[in-house]
Amino acid sequence: MTRKPQHFRRGRRIVAHVARDYADAEDWDLEFWQKQTPQQRLSALVAIREDVAKVKGRRR
């Protein structure tokens, strides 16, 4: 399996919501993540960890 750069994978899957307040944002976020499969949630977590590692690496 060939891994595509993050920006290509994310660019096709961006989902947005304009929240009225913090409670609305939290409700939407919870609903969004509950709709995702465990594999999708794990993939998102791995992608975030990789991005954080890249940022930390640039600071050194």
Protein backbone atom coordinates (compact mmCIF):
# COMPACT_ATOMS: atom_id res chain seq x y z
CA MET A 1 0.00 0.00 0.00
CA THR A 2 1.45 3.35 -1.04
CA ARG A 3 1.09 6.16 1.45
CA LYS A 4 0.04 9.48 -0.04
CA PRO A 5 1.18 12.76 1.48
CA GLN A 6 -1.08 13.98 4.26
CA HIS A 7 -2.28 17.05 2.37
CA PHE A 8 -3.60 14.93 -0.51
CA ARG A 9 -5.53 12.57 1.78
CA ARG A 10 -6.97 15.36 3.92
CA GLY A 11 -7.77 17.68 1.04
CA ARG A 12 -10.47 15.37 -0.22
CA ARG A 13 -12.03 14.72 3.19
CA ILE A 14 -12.33 18.07 4.91
CA VAL A 15 -15.63 18.46 6.69
CA ALA A 16 -16.52 21.84 8.18
CA HIS A 17 -19.11 23.25 10.55
CA VAL A 18 -19.68 26.80 11.74
CA ALA A 19 -20.60 26.57 15.41
CA ARG A 20 -22.88 29.00 17.18
CA ASP A 21 -21.06 28.52 20.49
CA TYR A 22 -18.73 26.12 22.31
CA ALA A 23 -21.54 23.72 23.23
CA ASP A 24 -22.61 23.51 19.58
CA ALA A 25 -19.01 22.85 18.53
CA GLU A 26 -18.60 20.09 21.12
CA ASP A 27 -21.90 18.46 20.12
CA TRP A 28 -20.95 18.51 16.44
CA ASP A 29 -17.47 17.17 17.16
CA LEU A 30 -18.82 14.30 19.26
CA GLU A 31 -21.40 13.40 16.61
CA PHE A 32 -18.77 13.53 13.85
CA TRP A 33 -16.36 11.19 15.63
CA GLN A 34 -19.09 8.77 16.66
CA LYS A 35 -20.02 8.37 12.98
CA GLN A 36 -16.45 7.33 12.13
CA THR A 37 -15.36 3.71 12.17
CA PRO A 38 -12.74 2.61 14.71
CA GLN A 39 -10.27 2.35 11.82
CA GLN A 40 -10.96 5.94 10.75
CA ARG A 41 -10.55 7.21 14.32
CA LEU A 42 -7.28 5.33 14.74
CA SER A 43 -6.02 6.60 11.39
CA ALA A 44 -6.80 10.18 12.44
CA LEU A 45 -4.95 9.69 15.72
CA VAL A 46 -1.90 8.30 13.95
CA ALA A 47 -1.93 11.19 11.46
CA ILE A 48 -2.10 13.73 14.30
CA ARG A 49 0.77 12.03 16.14
CA GLU A 50 2.87 12.05 12.94
CA ASP A 51 2.13 15.76 12.42
CA VAL A 52 3.09 16.59 16.01
CA ALA A 53 6.33 14.61 15.66
CA LYS A 54 7.17 16.55 12.48
CA VAL A 55 6.56 19.88 14.20
CA LYS A 56 8.64 18.88 17.21
CA GLY A 57 11.41 17.73 14.88
CA ARG A 58 11.51 21.12 13.13
CA ARG A 59 11.88 22.96 16.43
CA ARG A 60 15.11 21.13 17.33
